[in-house]
Protein backbone atom coordinates (compact mmCIF):
# COMPACT_ATOMS: atom_id res chain seq x y z
CA MET A 1 -55.48 -40.43 18.86
CA SER A 2 -55.06 -40.86 15.09
CA ASP A 3 -56.91 -43.28 12.90
CA THR A 4 -54.05 -45.70 13.31
CA GLY A 5 -54.76 -45.88 17.00
CA LYS A 6 -51.41 -44.38 17.99
CA ASP A 7 -51.01 -41.56 20.49
CA ASP A 8 -49.78 -38.50 18.54
CA THR A 9 -48.89 -36.70 21.74
CA ALA A 10 -46.23 -39.21 22.68
CA GLU A 11 -42.69 -37.91 22.29
CA ALA A 12 -40.95 -39.33 19.24
CA PRO A 13 -37.87 -41.36 20.07
CA ASN A 14 -34.48 -39.84 19.16
CA PRO A 15 -33.53 -41.56 15.89
CA PHE A 16 -29.84 -40.85 16.51
CA PRO A 17 -29.04 -41.66 20.12
CA PRO A 18 -25.39 -41.12 21.02
CA SER A 19 -23.32 -44.24 20.68
CA PRO A 20 -21.16 -45.49 23.53
CA GLU A 21 -18.15 -44.45 21.46
CA ASP A 22 -19.51 -40.88 21.17
CA ILE A 23 -20.14 -40.65 24.89
CA GLN A 24 -16.68 -41.97 25.61
CA HIS A 25 -15.12 -39.50 23.17
CA TRP A 26 -16.91 -36.50 24.68
CA ALA A 27 -15.80 -37.62 28.14
CA SER A 28 -12.24 -37.80 26.82
CA VAL A 29 -12.54 -34.29 25.38
CA MET A 30 -13.77 -32.91 28.71
CA GLY A 31 -10.98 -34.64 30.56
CA ARG A 32 -8.32 -33.30 28.21
CA ALA A 33 -9.78 -29.80 28.46
CA GLN A 34 -9.65 -29.92 32.26
CA GLN A 35 -6.08 -31.21 32.14
CA MET A 36 -5.09 -28.45 29.70
CA MET A 37 -6.55 -25.72 31.92
CA LEU A 38 -4.99 -27.21 35.04
CA GLU A 39 -1.55 -27.34 33.42
CA TYR A 40 -1.90 -23.73 32.28
CA ALA A 41 -3.01 -22.58 35.74
CA LEU A 42 -0.17 -24.43 37.44
CA GLY A 43 2.32 -22.98 34.98
CA GLN A 44 1.11 -19.46 35.69
CA ALA A 45 1.14 -20.07 39.42
CA ASN A 46 4.75 -21.26 39.21
CA GLN A 47 5.57 -17.98 37.49
CA GLY A 48 3.94 -16.04 40.31
CA ASN A 49 0.82 -15.10 38.34
CA SER A 50 -1.83 -15.80 40.97
CA ALA A 51 -4.45 -13.85 39.05
CA ALA A 52 -4.09 -16.06 35.98
CA ALA A 53 -4.11 -19.20 38.12
CA GLY A 54 -7.37 -18.06 39.69
CA MET A 55 -9.03 -17.88 36.29
CA PHE A 56 -9.90 -21.55 36.62
CA ASP A 57 -11.16 -21.31 40.18
CA PRO A 58 -14.98 -21.17 39.84
CA ALA A 59 -15.28 -19.42 43.18
CA SER A 60 -13.31 -16.47 41.78
CA TRP A 61 -15.51 -16.08 38.72
CA LEU A 62 -18.43 -14.67 40.65
CA LYS A 63 -16.14 -12.03 42.14
CA ASN A 64 -15.01 -10.80 38.72
CA PRO A 65 -16.84 -7.56 37.75
CA THR A 66 -16.27 -8.27 34.04
CA THR A 67 -17.85 -11.69 34.37
CA GLN A 68 -20.79 -10.25 36.29
CA LEU A 69 -21.32 -7.55 33.66
CA TRP A 70 -21.17 -10.07 30.85
CA ALA A 71 -23.63 -12.35 32.64
CA GLU A 72 -26.02 -9.49 33.40
CA GLN A 73 -25.97 -8.23 29.83
CA SER A 74 -26.40 -11.72 28.38
CA SER A 75 -29.27 -12.41 30.78
CA LYS A 76 -31.02 -9.17 29.87
CA MET A 77 -30.57 -9.87 26.19
CA TRP A 78 -32.04 -13.33 26.57
CA GLU A 79 -34.98 -12.19 28.70
CA GLN A 80 -35.91 -9.42 26.27
CA GLY A 81 -35.46 -11.82 23.38
CA VAL A 82 -37.81 -14.38 24.88
CA ALA A 83 -40.45 -11.70 25.44
CA PHE A 84 -40.00 -10.49 21.89
CA TRP A 85 -40.29 -14.02 20.47
CA THR A 86 -43.36 -14.79 22.56
CA SER A 87 -45.17 -11.76 21.21
CA LEU A 88 -44.25 -12.67 17.67
CA ALA A 89 -45.32 -16.27 18.17
CA THR A 90 -48.76 -15.10 19.27
CA LEU A 91 -49.22 -13.24 15.98
CA LYS A 92 -47.56 -16.08 14.04
CA PRO A 93 -45.65 -13.91 11.55
CA PRO A 94 -42.81 -15.31 9.43
CA PHE A 95 -39.78 -15.22 11.74
CA ALA A 96 -37.45 -14.40 8.83
CA THR A 97 -37.65 -13.76 5.13
CA GLU A 98 -35.13 -13.66 2.32
CA ALA A 99 -35.05 -9.88 2.56
CA ASP A 100 -34.41 -10.18 6.30
CA ALA A 101 -31.11 -12.00 5.75
CA PRO A 102 -28.43 -10.05 7.62
CA LYS A 103 -25.80 -8.08 5.70
CA ASP A 104 -23.45 -8.30 8.69
CA LYS A 105 -20.88 -10.98 7.81
CA ARG A 106 -20.87 -12.14 11.44
CA PHE A 107 -24.34 -13.57 10.77
CA ALA A 108 -23.59 -15.13 7.39
CA ASP A 109 -24.40 -18.67 8.55
CA PRO A 110 -27.84 -19.65 7.11
CA ASP A 111 -29.14 -20.69 10.55
CA TRP A 112 -29.13 -17.05 11.67
CA THR A 113 -32.06 -16.57 9.29
CA ALA A 114 -33.52 -20.03 8.74
CA ASN A 115 -33.59 -21.30 12.33
CA PRO A 116 -36.28 -19.60 14.49
CA ALA A 117 -34.23 -19.74 17.69
CA PHE A 118 -31.11 -18.19 16.18
CA ALA A 119 -33.13 -15.70 14.15
CA LEU A 120 -34.66 -14.58 17.44
CA ILE A 121 -31.27 -14.18 19.08
CA ARG A 122 -29.92 -12.21 16.12
CA GLN A 123 -32.94 -9.92 15.88
CA THR A 124 -32.98 -9.27 19.60
CA TYR A 125 -29.27 -8.51 19.66
CA GLY A 126 -29.71 -6.15 16.73
CA MET A 127 -32.49 -4.26 18.50
CA LEU A 128 -30.57 -3.96 21.74
CA ALA A 129 -27.35 -2.92 20.02
CA GLU A 130 -29.13 -0.27 18.00
CA GLN A 131 -30.92 0.98 21.10
CA LEU A 132 -27.65 1.32 23.01
CA LEU A 133 -25.97 3.22 20.17
CA THR A 134 -29.01 5.45 19.63
CA THR A 135 -29.20 6.27 23.33
CA THR A 136 -25.53 7.21 23.35
CA ARG A 137 -25.84 9.43 20.28
CA THR A 138 -28.88 11.27 21.65
CA MET A 139 -27.69 11.67 25.24
CA GLN A 140 -28.04 15.27 26.40
CA GLY A 141 -25.39 17.43 28.07
CA LEU A 142 -22.29 15.90 26.45
CA ASP A 143 -19.62 17.83 24.59
CA GLU A 144 -18.34 16.35 21.33
CA THR A 145 -15.27 14.78 22.94
CA ALA A 146 -17.31 13.05 25.64
CA ARG A 147 -19.89 11.91 23.10
CA ALA A 148 -17.19 10.44 20.85
CA LYS A 149 -15.79 8.49 23.81
CA MET A 150 -19.26 7.25 24.75
CA GLU A 151 -19.99 6.15 21.19
CA PHE A 152 -16.63 4.38 20.95
CA ALA A 153 -17.28 2.55 24.23
CA ALA A 154 -20.84 1.65 23.22
CA LYS A 155 -19.69 0.34 19.84
CA ASN A 156 -17.03 -1.83 21.46
CA MET A 157 -19.51 -3.11 24.04
CA THR A 158 -22.08 -4.11 21.42
CA GLU A 159 -19.40 -5.89 19.42
CA ALA A 160 -18.19 -7.74 22.51
CA LEU A 161 -21.71 -8.84 23.43
CA SER A 162 -22.56 -10.22 20.00
CA PRO A 163 -24.12 -13.69 20.25
CA THR A 164 -21.62 -14.85 17.64
CA ASN A 165 -18.92 -14.54 20.31
CA LEU A 166 -20.48 -17.20 22.56
CA ALA A 167 -20.30 -20.90 21.80
CA VAL A 168 -23.83 -21.61 23.06
CA THR A 169 -25.44 -18.95 20.84
CA ASN A 170 -23.46 -19.45 17.64
CA PRO A 171 -24.98 -22.12 15.36
CA GLU A 172 -21.78 -22.60 13.37
CA VAL A 173 -19.81 -23.27 16.55
CA ILE A 174 -22.43 -25.73 17.82
CA ARG A 175 -22.52 -27.54 14.47
CA ARG A 176 -18.73 -27.76 14.30
CA ALA A 177 -18.54 -29.08 17.87
CA VAL A 178 -21.07 -31.81 17.08
CA GLU A 179 -19.36 -32.74 13.82
CA THR A 180 -15.93 -33.01 15.47
CA ARG A 181 -17.30 -34.53 18.69
CA GLY A 182 -15.82 -31.66 20.69
CA GLU A 183 -12.36 -31.67 19.14
CA SER A 184 -12.90 -28.19 17.67
CA LEU A 185 -13.62 -26.77 21.13
CA LEU A 186 -10.59 -28.52 22.54
CA LYS A 187 -8.39 -27.13 19.77
CA GLY A 188 -9.83 -23.66 20.35
CA LEU A 189 -9.09 -23.95 24.06
CA LYS A 190 -5.49 -24.83 23.22
CA HIS A 191 -5.27 -21.71 21.05
CA MET A 192 -6.74 -19.57 23.82
CA LEU A 193 -4.40 -20.86 26.52
CA SER A 194 -1.42 -20.38 24.21
CA ASP A 195 -2.46 -16.75 23.66
CA LEU A 196 -2.95 -16.22 27.37
CA SER A 197 0.58 -17.47 27.95
CA ARG A 198 1.91 -15.06 25.32
CA GLY A 199 -0.25 -12.23 26.61
CA GLN A 200 -1.40 -11.44 23.08
CA LEU A 201 -4.19 -12.41 20.69
CA SER A 202 -2.76 -14.40 17.78
CA HIS A 203 -3.94 -13.70 14.24
CA VAL A 204 -1.60 -16.21 12.66
CA ASP A 205 0.54 -19.19 13.61
CA PRO A 206 3.60 -17.56 15.24
CA ASP A 207 5.78 -20.41 13.94
CA ALA A 208 4.69 -20.02 10.31
CA PHE A 209 7.27 -17.36 9.49
CA GLU A 210 10.85 -16.58 10.34
CA VAL A 211 12.27 -13.14 9.66
CA GLY A 212 15.12 -13.40 7.17
CA VAL A 213 14.05 -16.88 6.06
CA ASN A 214 10.61 -16.61 4.47
CA ILE A 215 9.82 -13.00 5.29
CA ALA A 216 12.01 -9.86 4.96
CA THR A 217 14.29 -11.62 2.48
CA THR A 218 15.39 -8.90 0.02
CA PRO A 219 19.21 -9.27 -0.20
CA GLY A 220 21.24 -6.57 1.51
CA LYS A 221 23.67 -5.76 4.29
CA VAL A 222 23.58 -3.78 7.52
CA VAL A 223 26.22 -1.12 6.86
CA HIS A 224 25.77 1.16 9.86
CA GLU A 225 24.29 0.93 13.33
CA THR A 226 23.78 2.97 16.50
CA ASP A 227 22.13 2.17 19.80
CA LEU A 228 18.81 3.23 18.25
CA TYR A 229 18.81 1.90 14.69
CA GLN A 230 20.49 -0.20 12.04
CA LEU A 231 20.86 1.00 8.45
CA ILE A 232 20.33 -1.63 5.74
CA GLN A 233 21.60 -1.14 2.19
CA TYR A 234 19.97 -3.39 -0.43
CA GLU A 235 21.80 -4.99 -3.34
CA PRO A 236 21.14 -3.42 -6.75
CA THR A 237 19.51 -5.52 -9.48
CA THR A 238 20.01 -3.10 -12.37
CA LYS A 239 23.18 -2.16 -14.26
CA ASP A 240 22.62 1.54 -13.62
CA VAL A 241 20.86 3.23 -10.71
CA LEU A 242 19.40 6.65 -10.07
CA THR A 243 22.14 8.84 -8.66
CA VAL A 244 19.98 10.11 -5.79
CA PRO A 245 19.50 7.25 -3.30
CA LEU A 246 16.40 6.53 -1.22
CA ILE A 247 16.20 6.22 2.58
CA ILE A 248 13.04 4.71 4.06
CA PHE A 249 12.09 5.58 7.64
CA PRO A 250 9.45 3.10 8.87
CA PRO A 251 7.48 3.64 12.08
CA TRP A 252 9.16 2.29 15.22
CA ILE A 253 5.73 1.20 16.45
CA ASN A 254 6.11 -1.83 14.13
CA ARG A 255 8.87 -3.73 12.35
CA PHE A 256 10.23 -2.28 9.09
CA TYR A 257 9.46 -5.36 7.01
CA ILE A 258 5.88 -4.34 6.36
CA LEU A 259 7.61 -2.93 3.25
CA ASP A 260 9.45 -6.24 2.62
CA LEU A 261 6.97 -9.01 3.39
CA ASN A 262 7.86 -11.30 0.50
CA PRO A 263 9.21 -10.87 -3.05
CA ALA A 264 5.70 -10.46 -4.51
CA LYS A 265 4.64 -7.78 -2.02
CA SER A 266 7.93 -6.07 -1.21
CA PHE A 267 8.03 -2.33 -1.84
CA VAL A 268 11.77 -2.53 -1.13
CA ALA A 269 12.42 -5.18 -3.81
CA TRP A 270 10.21 -3.32 -6.30
CA ALA A 271 11.99 0.00 -5.66
CA VAL A 272 15.36 -1.70 -6.19
CA GLU A 273 14.07 -3.10 -9.49
CA GLN A 274 13.17 0.44 -10.56
CA GLY A 275 16.82 1.41 -10.27
CA LEU A 276 16.87 3.01 -6.84
CA THR A 277 19.69 2.54 -4.34
CA VAL A 278 17.53 1.73 -1.31
CA PHE A 279 18.44 2.10 2.35
CA MET A 280 16.12 1.03 5.17
CA VAL A 281 16.20 2.11 8.80
CA SER A 282 15.52 -0.73 11.24
CA TRP A 283 14.65 0.69 14.65
CA LYS A 284 15.59 -1.05 17.87
CA SER A 285 12.70 -2.24 20.02
CA ALA A 286 12.86 -0.30 23.28
CA ASP A 287 14.17 -1.77 26.51
CA ALA A 288 15.07 -0.36 29.92
CA SER A 289 18.28 1.17 28.54
CA MET A 290 16.15 3.50 26.36
CA SER A 291 14.10 5.02 29.17
CA GLU A 292 15.43 8.54 28.47
CA ILE A 293 14.95 8.42 24.69
CA VAL A 294 12.85 11.34 23.43
CA TRP A 295 11.81 12.92 20.13
CA ASP A 296 15.17 14.60 19.59
CA ASP A 297 16.88 11.20 19.60
CA TYR A 298 14.74 9.87 16.73
CA ILE A 299 15.24 13.08 14.76
CA ALA A 300 18.98 12.94 15.38
CA ALA A 301 18.88 9.35 14.10
CA GLN A 302 17.14 10.45 10.91
CA VAL A 303 19.75 13.17 10.36
CA ASP A 304 22.51 10.65 11.07
CA ALA A 305 21.08 8.25 8.47
CA ILE A 306 20.81 11.04 5.87
CA ASP A 307 24.39 12.18 6.46
CA THR A 308 25.71 8.60 6.52
CA VAL A 309 24.20 7.80 3.12
CA ARG A 310 25.34 11.12 1.62
CA ASP A 311 28.91 10.48 2.78
CA LEU A 312 28.90 6.80 1.77
CA LEU A 313 27.72 7.44 -1.80
CA ASP A 314 29.31 10.89 -2.11
CA VAL A 315 26.03 12.56 -3.10
CA PRO A 316 24.71 15.95 -1.97
CA ALA A 317 21.14 14.82 -1.29
CA VAL A 318 18.83 11.85 -0.77
CA HIS A 319 15.21 10.96 -1.40
CA THR A 320 13.32 10.09 1.80
CA ILE A 321 10.15 8.22 2.77
CA GLY A 322 8.47 8.55 6.17
CA TYR A 323 5.74 6.06 7.05
CA CYS A 324 3.14 7.00 9.70
CA VAL A 325 4.82 8.30 12.89
CA ALA A 326 8.21 8.25 11.15
CA GLY A 327 6.69 10.60 8.57
CA THR A 328 5.61 12.92 11.37
CA THR A 329 9.15 12.90 12.70
CA LEU A 330 10.60 13.32 9.22
CA ALA A 331 8.58 16.52 8.80
CA ALA A 332 10.12 17.82 12.03
CA THR A 333 13.56 16.79 10.75
CA LEU A 334 13.02 18.71 7.52
CA ALA A 335 11.79 21.77 9.42
CA MET A 336 14.87 21.68 11.61
CA LEU A 337 17.20 21.29 8.60
CA ALA A 338 15.42 24.15 6.81
CA ALA A 339 15.81 26.39 9.87
CA ARG A 340 19.55 25.63 9.88
CA GLY A 341 19.92 26.25 6.15
CA GLU A 342 20.53 22.54 5.43
CA GLY A 343 17.26 21.69 3.69
CA ASP A 344 19.04 20.81 0.45
CA LYS A 345 20.33 17.58 2.04
CA VAL A 346 16.94 16.07 1.13
CA ARG A 347 16.01 16.09 -2.56
CA SER A 348 12.43 14.91 -1.97
CA VAL A 349 10.17 13.63 0.77
CA THR A 350 7.37 11.07 0.47
CA PHE A 351 4.83 10.68 3.25
CA PHE A 352 3.05 7.35 3.62
CA THR A 353 -0.17 7.95 5.62
CA ALA A 354 1.53 10.46 7.91
CA GLN A 355 0.10 13.26 10.05
CA ILE A 356 1.54 16.56 11.22
CA ASP A 357 -1.73 18.31 12.13
CA PHE A 358 -3.66 16.21 14.64
CA GLU A 359 -6.88 18.17 14.88
CA LEU A 360 -8.69 15.54 12.79
CA ALA A 361 -6.69 12.52 13.96
CA GLY A 362 -9.75 10.34 14.58
CA ASP A 363 -10.42 7.73 17.25
CA LEU A 364 -6.83 7.61 18.51
CA LYS A 365 -7.38 11.06 20.03
CA MET A 366 -9.55 9.35 22.64
CA PHE A 367 -6.41 7.78 24.10
CA VAL A 368 -4.75 11.01 25.24
CA ASP A 369 -6.77 12.06 28.26
CA ASP A 370 -5.31 12.20 31.77
CA SER A 371 -6.67 8.81 32.83
CA TYR A 372 -5.12 7.06 29.82
CA LEU A 373 -1.80 8.85 30.27
CA GLN A 374 -1.77 7.79 33.91
CA LEU A 375 -2.45 4.19 32.85
CA LEU A 376 0.43 4.35 30.39
CA GLN A 377 2.72 5.57 33.14
CA GLN A 378 1.78 2.58 35.28
CA LEU A 379 2.30 0.18 32.36
CA SER A 380 5.69 1.72 31.55
CA SER A 381 7.34 1.50 34.94
CA GLY A 382 10.40 -0.16 33.38
CA GLY A 383 11.02 2.84 31.14
CA PHE A 384 9.34 1.38 28.07
CA LEU A 385 5.83 0.40 26.98
CA ASP A 386 5.32 -3.24 26.07
CA GLY A 387 4.29 -3.31 22.42
CA ARG A 388 1.41 -5.66 23.18
CA TYR A 389 -0.49 -2.77 24.77
CA MET A 390 -0.15 -0.68 21.63
CA ALA A 391 -1.23 -3.64 19.52
CA ALA A 392 -4.35 -4.03 21.67
CA THR A 393 -5.10 -0.32 21.27
CA PHE A 394 -4.86 -0.46 17.48
CA ASN A 395 -6.89 -3.68 17.39
CA SER A 396 -9.64 -2.03 19.44
CA LEU A 397 -10.11 0.57 16.70
CA ARG A 398 -11.39 -2.29 14.54
CA GLY A 399 -12.46 -4.68 17.25
CA ARG A 400 -14.98 -6.60 15.15
CA ASP A 401 -12.37 -7.50 12.51
CA LEU A 402 -9.18 -7.68 14.57
CA ILE A 403 -10.42 -9.09 17.88
CA TRP A 404 -13.80 -10.84 17.84
CA ASN A 405 -13.40 -12.33 14.39
CA TYR A 406 -10.34 -14.19 15.68
CA VAL A 407 -11.96 -15.10 18.98
CA VAL A 408 -14.65 -16.91 16.99
CA ASN A 409 -12.35 -18.49 14.43
CA ASN A 410 -9.43 -19.39 16.69
CA TYR A 411 -11.12 -20.19 20.01
CA LEU A 412 -14.72 -21.21 19.29
CA LEU A 413 -14.38 -22.90 15.91
CA GLY A 414 -10.85 -24.15 16.53
CA ASN A 415 -9.75 -23.27 13.00
CA ASP A 416 -6.15 -23.54 11.93
CA TYR A 417 -4.31 -20.24 11.79
CA PRO A 418 -3.90 -18.82 8.27
CA PRO A 419 -0.30 -18.57 6.96
CA PHE A 420 -0.65 -14.85 6.27
CA ASP A 421 2.54 -12.77 6.36
CA LEU A 422 0.72 -9.48 6.93
CA LEU A 423 -0.97 -10.87 10.04
CA TYR A 424 2.36 -12.21 11.28
CA TRP A 425 3.86 -8.73 10.93
CA ASN A 426 0.86 -7.21 12.71
CA GLY A 427 1.54 -9.38 15.76
CA ASP A 428 5.32 -8.90 15.73
CA VAL A 429 5.16 -5.98 18.14
CA THR A 430 7.88 -3.56 19.24
CA ASN A 431 8.31 -1.82 22.57
CA LEU A 432 8.23 1.97 22.78
CA PRO A 433 10.37 4.32 24.90
CA ALA A 434 7.93 5.49 27.58
CA LYS A 435 9.19 9.06 27.82
CA TRP A 436 9.01 9.67 24.09
CA HIS A 437 5.65 7.92 23.71
CA ARG A 438 4.07 10.17 26.32
CA GLN A 439 5.69 13.23 24.74
CA TYR A 440 4.27 12.24 21.36
CA LEU A 441 0.73 11.79 22.70
CA VAL A 442 0.74 15.03 24.70
CA ASP A 443 2.58 17.44 22.39
CA LEU A 444 1.17 16.19 19.10
CA TYR A 445 -2.10 14.29 19.55
CA ARG A 446 -3.47 16.23 22.50
CA ASP A 447 -1.99 19.74 22.16
CA ASN A 448 -1.32 19.74 18.39
CA ARG A 449 1.81 21.86 18.88
CA MET A 450 3.59 20.78 15.73
CA VAL A 451 1.53 23.13 13.55
CA ILE A 452 2.13 26.11 15.84
CA PRO A 453 5.25 27.89 14.54
CA ASN A 454 8.19 27.70 16.98
CA SER A 455 6.08 25.97 19.65
CA LEU A 456 8.34 22.91 19.53
CA THR A 457 12.11 22.80 19.62
CA VAL A 458 14.10 20.09 17.87
CA MET A 459 17.73 19.54 18.81
CA GLY A 460 17.82 23.10 20.14
CA THR A 461 16.18 24.58 17.03
CA PRO A 462 12.58 25.94 17.03
CA ILE A 463 10.68 24.48 14.08
CA ASP A 464 8.16 25.96 11.67
CA LEU A 465 6.67 23.59 9.09
CA LYS A 466 6.11 26.47 6.69
CA LYS A 467 9.88 26.62 6.17
CA ILE A 468 9.85 23.19 4.48
CA LYS A 469 10.31 23.76 0.75
CA THR A 470 11.32 20.17 -0.10
CA PRO A 471 9.21 18.67 -2.94
CA ALA A 472 6.67 16.42 -1.23
CA TYR A 473 4.63 13.41 -2.34
CA ILE A 474 1.75 12.85 0.07
CA GLN A 475 -0.05 9.50 0.02
CA ALA A 476 -3.23 8.87 1.99
CA GLY A 477 -5.54 5.87 2.34
CA ARG A 478 -9.22 6.37 1.62
CA GLU A 479 -10.26 3.99 4.44
CA ASP A 480 -7.41 4.65 6.86
CA HIS A 481 -8.54 4.38 10.52
CA ILE A 482 -5.06 5.16 11.96
CA ALA A 483 -4.24 8.29 9.96
CA PRO A 484 -7.60 9.49 8.59
CA LEU A 485 -7.68 10.95 5.11
CA ALA A 486 -8.81 14.40 6.30
CA SER A 487 -5.92 14.49 8.75
CA VAL A 488 -3.27 13.48 6.21
CA TRP A 489 -4.58 16.14 3.80
CA ARG A 490 -3.50 18.81 6.29
CA LEU A 491 0.09 18.28 5.10
CA MET A 492 -1.01 20.18 2.00
CA ASP A 493 -1.82 23.18 4.20
CA HIS A 494 1.43 23.37 6.14
CA LEU A 495 4.27 22.65 3.68
CA SER A 496 5.56 25.42 1.40
CA GLY A 497 7.30 23.46 -1.37
CA PRO A 498 5.73 21.80 -4.45
CA LYS A 499 3.29 19.10 -3.34
CA THR A 500 1.65 16.11 -5.03
CA PHE A 501 -1.29 14.49 -3.25
CA LEU A 502 -2.37 10.95 -4.03
CA LEU A 503 -5.39 9.16 -2.58
CA ALA A 504 -5.03 5.38 -2.52
CA GLY A 505 -7.77 2.83 -2.17
CA SER A 506 -7.96 0.80 1.08
CA GLY A 507 -6.40 1.75 4.41
CA HIS A 508 -3.29 2.25 6.50
CA ILE A 509 -1.50 -0.92 5.35
CA ALA A 510 -3.11 -2.29 2.19
CA GLY A 511 -3.32 1.25 0.82
CA VAL A 512 0.48 1.41 0.98
CA VAL A 513 1.47 -2.21 0.32
CA ASN A 514 -0.19 -2.61 -3.07
CA PRO A 515 2.25 -4.01 -5.65
CA PRO A 516 1.41 -3.49 -9.33
CA ALA A 517 1.37 -7.23 -10.07
CA ALA A 518 -1.53 -7.73 -7.65
CA GLY A 519 -3.87 -5.62 -9.78
CA LYS A 520 -5.81 -4.51 -6.70
CA TYR A 521 -7.53 -1.33 -5.57
CA GLN A 522 -7.10 2.04 -7.29
CA TYR A 523 -5.83 5.54 -6.70
CA TRP A 524 -6.94 9.09 -7.41
CA THR A 525 -4.92 12.10 -8.56
CA GLY A 526 -6.28 15.59 -8.94
CA ASP A 527 -5.68 19.31 -8.58
CA ASN A 528 -2.70 19.72 -6.24
CA ASN A 529 -3.55 23.39 -5.88
CA ALA A 530 -7.02 22.60 -4.53
CA ALA A 531 -7.82 24.66 -1.45
CA THR A 532 -9.66 21.84 0.33
CA LEU A 533 -9.86 18.07 0.32
CA ASP A 534 -13.39 18.25 -1.07
CA GLU A 535 -12.16 20.32 -3.99
CA PHE A 536 -9.36 17.83 -4.63
CA ILE A 537 -11.80 14.90 -4.62
CA ALA A 538 -14.13 16.77 -6.97
CA SER A 539 -11.24 17.21 -9.42
CA ALA A 540 -9.78 13.72 -8.97
CA THR A 541 -9.37 11.08 -11.67
CA GLU A 542 -9.44 7.40 -10.74
CA THR A 543 -6.81 4.96 -11.99
CA LYS A 544 -7.15 1.21 -11.43
CA GLY A 545 -4.37 -0.71 -9.72
CA SER A 546 -1.25 0.26 -7.78
CA TRP A 547 -0.04 3.82 -7.29
CA TRP A 548 3.62 2.73 -7.09
CA PRO A 549 4.32 3.39 -10.82
CA HIS A 550 2.92 6.92 -10.38
CA TRP A 551 5.31 7.47 -7.48
CA ILE A 552 8.43 6.24 -9.29
CA GLY A 553 7.52 8.54 -12.17
CA TRP A 554 7.40 11.43 -9.70
CA ILE A 555 10.77 10.40 -8.23
CA SER A 556 12.33 10.40 -11.70
CA GLU A 557 10.95 13.88 -12.34
CA GLN A 558 12.83 15.17 -9.29
CA ASP A 559 16.18 13.94 -10.62
CA SER A 560 16.62 11.42 -13.44
CA ALA A 561 20.45 11.30 -13.41
CA LYS A 562 21.93 7.78 -13.26
CA THR A 563 25.20 6.20 -12.25
CA ALA A 564 26.74 2.75 -12.53
CA ALA A 565 25.73 0.22 -9.88
CA LYS A 566 29.25 -0.49 -8.62
CA GLY A 567 31.63 0.49 -5.84
CA SER A 568 29.79 1.95 -2.85
CA ARG A 569 26.48 1.19 -4.56
CA ILE A 570 27.16 -2.44 -3.65
CA PRO A 571 26.46 -3.07 0.08
CA GLY A 572 29.73 -3.40 2.00
CA LYS A 573 31.94 -2.34 -0.92
CA GLY A 574 32.26 1.32 0.07
CA SER A 575 33.69 3.01 3.14
CA LYS A 576 30.98 1.36 5.25
CA LYS A 577 31.76 -2.32 5.55
CA ALA A 578 29.03 -4.89 6.02
CA ILE A 579 28.19 -5.56 9.64
CA GLU A 580 25.82 -8.46 8.94
CA ASP A 581 23.31 -9.67 6.38
CA ALA A 582 19.90 -8.07 6.09
CA PRO A 583 17.50 -7.95 7.83
CA GLY A 584 19.90 -7.59 10.78
CA ARG A 585 19.67 -8.22 14.52
CA TYR A 586 17.49 -5.34 15.63
CA VAL A 587 14.38 -6.49 13.75
CA LYS A 588 14.57 -9.84 15.54
CA GLN A 589 14.96 -8.48 19.05
CA ARG A 590 11.97 -8.58 21.41
């Protein structure tokens, strides 16, 4: 009792009881959520997807091993957390200090530090995650390959089990749900069901962009096509152009317009402005008719594109760019041409984050063992691999940023999708010919045969990379997780012609797509005769901004001759008539 005569032990009344309107609104939200899930389940059932329909059958949840694992892990985390908090409460230490504020952006919300309950959850999760990773790293009896796989799996598990990924343990999600009276959760559920229907995690509103309308809009014409690719010629914007034209070979794992996102970011538009006659290869997304397509077919397509442009413009040689896997294939093309005495068809070659020696290829090498190859065979029964599987694989390499970040933002917080063209491109997947994809993983990633002279045969010709004497410009990304810097450097070891190595800031995409006007990142140039990457880095000089001007300077050094931008330099005005406007049909096909 206090001196006022009131009982201090009595529970204080809730000063903000829910209003009848609030209760009614939450009931409406729950009803709409149930209706939404029911409609989704019925739709899937009508399509014969009994597994998806069963997702909303509570009786089936307990039979799901993934659900059981998640529940067991969450339960263990909570139990250990409660024990940890109880021991701390006994000693009454400060539960969090300013210095204790997490550097992990997942825990940026102030409640992860200021609120005792959420601070407990965060600290407990951190201890358990660190313990799991430490145990994996110190486990005895594992070779390096097995240890790398274990660490990769442990890292992905800890990221998946983060308390930020659960609505009931994320203070920001709880606060948003209360503020919106459940509408944020309902909106997130709508996003999730939409993604389930598409079979793919969305990073951006799929209706925000339309190829050829507000993305991939550089003017040009399709002037040549085969069953495997279309060839786009872009309209010149200068009175005179460099006599030697440029052909860009993008990877067929994604759409070509990563290099033509919008006028401000477009490498294509910028290259045209520098006075280059630019051609772009647009690969066809694989379907059942391409079940027998192999490496030779893509190399034959590159040779066909080179010869088509040479004949169209009546020039002896072309500049070439190969991005990622297309760069790998372009190296094989050059080796084959060199072996046949036709290497002078290519005046120069530029490699964007490409690999030819896969010894140091990074985390992707974990996806080439027998079990994974067997899984791919099962997933490719129609003769091609659905591009959504490849997208999921690449996303898993950066699961925290490319998976769970969007689970929280899109599903739990119910945020609107950002209108981001790069994310749209990232989700615009292409299918891969199954036979060739397996061949690529086995011969290159697993067995690393490309660097063994005459181990591989291309179009009936054994290839040896040492025979390539074409001047080469080799670009690598400092933070590239697809084609690691150390792996890209190996191009310097295997090519015999003059080589220029450039290290760009950022990674596999932003390291390449970095227009000068953006004023972002930096690049390093150094001793191109350095024996090792470490020696190159030690000699390197940093330059702020885009590396594109450095590249066009290098291109001009190879051949600075110019010609008038008329006749066949205008798309459709030469011997190859325009088939259709850029960006063409193939880039729009699913």
